């Protein structure tokens, strides 16, 4: 894992869109998909800010970090996130920490959870969305090696990027390097055997996701000795981009993380 980022880098890695309540039940850190940015989780923060301290990770190479070279290694991304979280929360408030990652973000969240457990601070819960379990064979096409037209076609097919961005040549010049770097990171990722998590793991997936079968999503259960759960939602790979499913997912997160709920994740 990489060394700690400079103190000013912590603010570049972590975004807080809404002030948390005076006594949040937990801190939820959200990790976006390949090509995604922290802003993808703005609606999640808006919905949960009354109960949780919600942070979203901003990877280098996009938006206000576009001048920074994007990283092409999942382990390095996870190491930087661990370092930023450790620096940002060291001795702060003792809040339980939960992680939510979508697609590529699920792999990074898993690696972050594993590293934190190795350091003696297991997370309260790990939520992995839109991603086959780490270690499952991955037949993803190496899109980072294809031309721009093929990459844009794939982004349109997955329906996770706004059409205005994909139709704007200037925006494409800005986002494609990060997209290619992220796909390279995913294609080159190799799961290395490590102790299973002790934290609860909740896998979420769309019922028509062509990239993740229900069996592959359920296989996340093999990565924990704690409670595990599979939740299936209507939709494809970006099922959680629609407002109805955002509401359903944030309701699930609230029910699992906020004390006093009968179905909160058992700790």
Protein backbone atom coordinates (compact mmCIF):
# COMPACT_ATOMS: atom_id res chain seq x y z
CA UNK A 1 0.00 0.00 0.00
CA UNK A 2 1.14 3.54 -0.72
CA UNK A 3 2.47 5.93 1.87
CA UNK A 4 0.23 8.57 3.42
CA UNK A 5 -0.74 11.55 1.29
CA UNK A 6 0.30 15.04 2.33
CA UNK A 7 -2.20 16.70 4.70
CA UNK A 8 -3.58 18.94 1.94
CA UNK A 9 -4.20 15.84 -0.19
CA UNK A 10 -6.77 14.54 2.31
CA UNK A 11 -9.19 17.24 1.22
CA UNK A 12 -8.66 16.29 -2.41
CA UNK A 13 -9.56 12.65 -1.74
CA UNK A 14 -12.64 13.14 0.45
CA UNK A 15 -15.77 15.19 -0.26
CA UNK A 16 -18.42 16.11 2.28
CA UNK A 17 -21.43 17.59 0.49
CA UNK A 18 -23.67 18.12 3.53
CA UNK A 19 -22.96 18.91 7.15
CA UNK A 20 -23.49 15.82 9.29
CA UNK A 21 -25.88 15.77 12.24
CA UNK A 22 -24.50 16.71 15.64
CA UNK A 23 -24.38 13.04 16.62
CA UNK A 24 -24.16 10.90 13.47
CA UNK A 25 -24.76 7.19 13.86
CA UNK A 26 -21.79 6.32 11.65
CA UNK A 27 -19.49 7.61 8.95
CA UNK A 28 -20.30 6.27 5.47
CA UNK A 29 -17.61 6.53 2.81
CA UNK A 30 -18.77 6.08 -0.79
CA UNK A 31 -16.44 5.00 -3.61
CA UNK A 32 -17.52 5.59 -7.22
CA UNK A 33 -17.35 3.43 -10.32
CA UNK A 34 -14.79 3.50 -13.13
CA UNK A 35 -14.89 6.92 -14.74
CA UNK A 36 -17.08 8.21 -11.93
CA UNK A 37 -16.56 11.07 -9.52
CA UNK A 38 -17.55 11.87 -5.96
CA UNK A 39 -20.55 13.86 -7.19
CA UNK A 40 -22.29 10.62 -8.20
CA UNK A 41 -23.08 10.17 -4.50
CA UNK A 42 -24.47 13.68 -3.91
CA UNK A 43 -28.06 12.32 -3.79
CA UNK A 44 -26.98 9.67 -1.29
CA UNK A 45 -25.41 12.32 0.94
CA UNK A 46 -28.49 14.49 0.64
CA UNK A 47 -30.77 11.63 1.66
CA UNK A 48 -28.61 10.37 4.55
CA UNK A 49 -27.10 13.55 6.00
CA UNK A 50 -29.71 13.67 8.74
CA UNK A 51 -28.41 10.41 10.21
CA UNK A 52 -24.88 9.78 8.93
CA UNK A 53 -21.64 11.60 8.19
CA UNK A 54 -21.38 10.88 4.46
CA UNK A 55 -18.09 11.25 2.58
CA UNK A 56 -17.43 10.51 -1.08
CA UNK A 57 -14.04 9.69 -2.56
CA UNK A 58 -12.70 11.81 -5.40
CA UNK A 59 -10.13 9.88 -7.44
CA UNK A 60 -7.32 11.79 -9.17
CA UNK A 61 -7.64 12.64 -12.85
CA UNK A 62 -11.19 14.00 -12.85
CA UNK A 63 -12.99 17.32 -12.36
CA UNK A 64 -11.00 19.57 -10.01
CA UNK A 65 -8.29 16.87 -9.88
CA UNK A 66 -8.03 16.62 -13.67
CA UNK A 67 -4.47 17.98 -13.59
CA UNK A 68 -3.33 14.98 -11.50
CA UNK A 69 -2.42 11.75 -13.30
CA UNK A 70 -5.06 9.06 -12.71
CA UNK A 71 -3.94 5.91 -10.90
CA UNK A 72 -4.05 2.57 -12.68
CA UNK A 73 -3.81 0.15 -9.76
CA UNK A 74 -6.64 -0.87 -7.41
CA UNK A 75 -4.27 -1.54 -4.50
CA UNK A 76 -2.68 1.88 -4.87
CA UNK A 77 -6.07 3.57 -5.00
CA UNK A 78 -7.12 1.67 -1.87
CA UNK A 79 -3.89 2.59 -0.11
CA UNK A 80 -4.43 6.28 -0.79
CA UNK A 81 -8.02 6.08 0.45
CA UNK A 82 -6.89 4.33 3.65
CA UNK A 83 -4.24 7.00 4.19
CA UNK A 84 -6.72 9.82 3.62
CA UNK A 85 -9.30 8.27 5.95
CA UNK A 86 -6.72 7.61 8.63
CA UNK A 87 -5.43 11.17 8.45
CA UNK A 88 -8.88 12.71 8.34
CA UNK A 89 -10.38 10.77 11.25
CA UNK A 90 -7.38 10.00 13.48
CA UNK A 91 -8.47 10.53 17.07
CA UNK A 92 -11.45 12.53 15.91
CA UNK A 93 -14.67 11.06 17.20
CA UNK A 94 -14.58 7.26 17.22
CA UNK A 95 -17.47 7.01 14.77
CA UNK A 96 -18.08 3.57 13.27
CA UNK A 97 -16.94 3.51 9.64
CA UNK A 98 -18.91 1.86 6.82
CA UNK A 99 -17.94 1.63 3.16
CA UNK A 100 -20.15 1.65 0.06
CA UNK A 101 -18.54 1.01 -3.32
CA UNK A 102 -20.13 0.66 -6.73
CA UNK A 103 -18.55 -1.38 -9.54
CA UNK A 104 -14.80 -0.55 -9.50
CA UNK A 105 -15.51 1.24 -6.22
CA UNK A 106 -16.65 -2.07 -4.71
CA UNK A 107 -13.22 -3.59 -5.34
CA UNK A 108 -11.50 -0.57 -3.83
CA UNK A 109 -13.86 -0.61 -0.84
CA UNK A 110 -13.12 -4.29 -0.26
CA UNK A 111 -9.37 -3.64 -0.35
CA UNK A 112 -9.79 -0.67 2.01
CA UNK A 113 -11.83 -2.80 4.43
CA UNK A 114 -9.20 -5.54 4.32
CA UNK A 115 -6.37 -3.11 4.98
CA UNK A 116 -8.19 -1.46 7.86
CA UNK A 117 -8.90 -4.87 9.39
CA UNK A 118 -5.21 -5.76 9.05
CA UNK A 119 -4.51 -2.59 11.04
CA UNK A 120 -6.91 -3.64 13.78
CA UNK A 121 -9.81 -1.35 12.88
CA UNK A 122 -12.43 -3.40 11.00
CA UNK A 123 -15.25 -1.45 9.39
CA UNK A 124 -18.80 -1.55 10.72
CA UNK A 125 -20.09 -2.87 7.40
CA UNK A 126 -19.06 -3.21 3.77
CA UNK A 127 -21.60 -2.57 1.00
CA UNK A 128 -20.50 -3.80 -2.43
CA UNK A 129 -22.68 -2.82 -5.38
CA UNK A 130 -22.68 -3.76 -9.06
CA UNK A 131 -19.57 -5.92 -8.89
CA UNK A 132 -18.87 -9.65 -8.98
CA UNK A 133 -17.03 -10.79 -5.87
CA UNK A 134 -13.28 -10.32 -5.70
CA UNK A 135 -11.61 -13.43 -7.05
CA UNK A 136 -14.42 -14.32 -9.47
CA UNK A 137 -13.10 -14.73 -13.04
CA UNK A 138 -13.52 -11.42 -14.86
CA UNK A 139 -14.13 -11.35 -18.59
CA UNK A 140 -14.24 -7.56 -18.89
CA UNK A 141 -12.99 -6.29 -22.24
CA UNK A 142 -9.73 -4.29 -22.06
CA UNK A 143 -11.45 -1.06 -23.09
CA UNK A 144 -8.42 1.03 -22.24
CA UNK A 145 -6.74 -0.40 -25.36
CA UNK A 146 -9.59 0.51 -27.73
CA UNK A 147 -10.19 3.73 -29.65
CA UNK A 148 -12.26 6.60 -28.28
CA UNK A 149 -15.34 5.64 -30.29
CA UNK A 150 -15.43 2.15 -28.77
CA UNK A 151 -14.95 3.49 -25.23
CA UNK A 152 -17.77 6.01 -25.68
CA UNK A 153 -20.03 3.28 -27.11
CA UNK A 154 -19.42 1.16 -24.03
CA UNK A 155 -20.17 4.07 -21.70
CA UNK A 156 -23.42 4.70 -23.54
CA UNK A 157 -24.35 1.02 -23.33
CA UNK A 158 -23.87 0.95 -19.56
CA UNK A 159 -26.04 4.07 -19.20
CA UNK A 160 -24.01 5.47 -16.32
CA UNK A 161 -22.70 8.65 -17.95
CA UNK A 162 -24.78 11.64 -18.97
CA UNK A 163 -25.31 11.95 -22.74
CA UNK A 164 -24.27 15.62 -22.66
CA UNK A 165 -20.82 14.64 -21.45
CA UNK A 166 -20.42 11.93 -24.08
CA UNK A 167 -21.52 14.32 -26.84
CA UNK A 168 -19.17 17.15 -25.84
CA UNK A 169 -15.69 16.81 -27.43
CA UNK A 170 -14.09 19.05 -24.82
CA UNK A 171 -15.55 17.06 -21.94
CA UNK A 172 -14.54 13.79 -23.58
CA UNK A 173 -10.94 14.98 -23.79
CA UNK A 174 -11.12 15.61 -20.07
CA UNK A 175 -12.81 12.41 -18.91
CA UNK A 176 -11.46 9.72 -21.24
CA UNK A 177 -7.96 9.54 -19.72
CA UNK A 178 -9.48 8.81 -16.30
CA UNK A 179 -11.90 6.27 -17.80
CA UNK A 180 -9.05 4.44 -19.52
CA UNK A 181 -6.95 4.47 -16.35
CA UNK A 182 -9.83 3.06 -14.31
CA UNK A 183 -10.49 0.28 -16.82
CA UNK A 184 -6.80 -0.57 -16.81
CA UNK A 185 -6.93 -0.82 -13.02
CA UNK A 186 -9.94 -3.15 -13.12
CA UNK A 187 -8.56 -5.37 -15.89
CA UNK A 188 -5.21 -5.72 -14.12
CA UNK A 189 -6.69 -6.35 -10.67
CA UNK A 190 -5.76 -9.69 -9.18
CA UNK A 191 -7.31 -10.74 -5.90
CA UNK A 192 -4.65 -11.82 -3.45
CA UNK A 193 -5.74 -14.27 -0.76
CA UNK A 194 -6.00 -12.63 2.65
CA UNK A 195 -7.91 -13.23 5.89
CA UNK A 196 -11.64 -13.00 5.46
CA UNK A 197 -13.35 -9.91 6.80
CA UNK A 198 -15.12 -10.11 10.13
CA UNK A 199 -17.45 -7.25 9.18
CA UNK A 200 -20.94 -7.74 7.76
CA UNK A 201 -20.97 -7.65 3.94
CA UNK A 202 -24.04 -6.59 1.98
CA UNK A 203 -23.95 -7.17 -1.78
CA UNK A 204 -26.29 -5.14 -3.99
CA UNK A 205 -26.97 -5.76 -7.67
CA UNK A 206 -29.41 -5.01 -10.47
CA UNK A 207 -31.58 -7.88 -11.63
CA UNK A 208 -30.67 -7.22 -15.28
CA UNK A 209 -26.99 -6.37 -14.86
CA UNK A 210 -25.28 -8.06 -17.80
CA UNK A 211 -21.89 -7.80 -16.08
CA UNK A 212 -22.78 -9.39 -12.74
CA UNK A 213 -24.80 -12.56 -12.24
CA UNK A 214 -26.68 -13.18 -9.01
CA UNK A 215 -24.27 -16.01 -8.21
CA UNK A 216 -21.26 -13.73 -8.70
CA UNK A 217 -22.79 -11.07 -6.47
CA UNK A 218 -23.72 -13.64 -3.82
CA UNK A 219 -20.09 -14.87 -3.80
CA UNK A 220 -19.13 -11.83 -1.70
CA UNK A 221 -20.35 -13.96 1.20
CA UNK A 222 -17.13 -15.95 0.84
CA UNK A 223 -15.13 -12.89 1.90
CA UNK A 224 -16.50 -12.55 5.43
CA UNK A 225 -16.93 -14.63 8.54
CA UNK A 226 -19.64 -12.22 9.65
CA UNK A 227 -23.23 -11.74 8.51
CA UNK A 228 -23.81 -11.42 4.78
CA UNK A 229 -26.72 -10.46 2.62
CA UNK A 230 -27.64 -10.14 -1.07
CA UNK A 231 -30.09 -7.45 -2.15
CA UNK A 232 -31.42 -7.36 -5.71
CA UNK A 233 -32.94 -4.23 -7.24
CA UNK A 234 -34.72 -3.61 -10.55
CA UNK A 235 -32.34 -2.40 -13.25
CA UNK A 236 -29.00 -2.92 -14.93
CA UNK A 237 -25.43 -2.13 -13.98
CA UNK A 238 -26.36 1.41 -12.95
CA UNK A 239 -29.61 0.48 -11.25
CA UNK A 240 -28.78 2.92 -8.43
CA UNK A 241 -28.66 5.93 -10.77
CA UNK A 242 -32.47 6.11 -10.98
CA UNK A 243 -34.24 8.14 -8.26
CA UNK A 244 -36.52 5.25 -7.18
CA UNK A 245 -33.58 2.92 -6.66
CA UNK A 246 -31.53 5.65 -4.98
CA UNK A 247 -34.35 5.96 -2.48
CA UNK A 248 -34.44 2.20 -1.99
CA UNK A 249 -30.66 1.95 -1.53
CA UNK A 250 -30.42 4.88 0.88
CA UNK A 251 -33.31 3.41 2.88
CA UNK A 252 -31.37 0.15 3.08
CA UNK A 253 -28.22 1.96 4.22
CA UNK A 254 -30.15 3.87 6.87
CA UNK A 255 -31.84 0.73 8.13
CA UNK A 256 -28.53 -1.12 8.40
CA UNK A 257 -26.41 1.64 9.94
CA UNK A 258 -28.61 3.79 12.14
CA UNK A 259 -29.06 2.54 15.69
CA UNK A 260 -32.52 1.67 16.88
CA UNK A 261 -33.62 -0.04 13.67
CA UNK A 262 -34.74 -3.60 14.16
CA UNK A 263 -32.91 -4.70 11.00
CA UNK A 264 -29.64 -2.85 11.61
CA UNK A 265 -26.52 -4.83 10.68
CA UNK A 266 -25.59 -7.03 13.67
CA UNK A 267 -22.17 -6.06 15.02
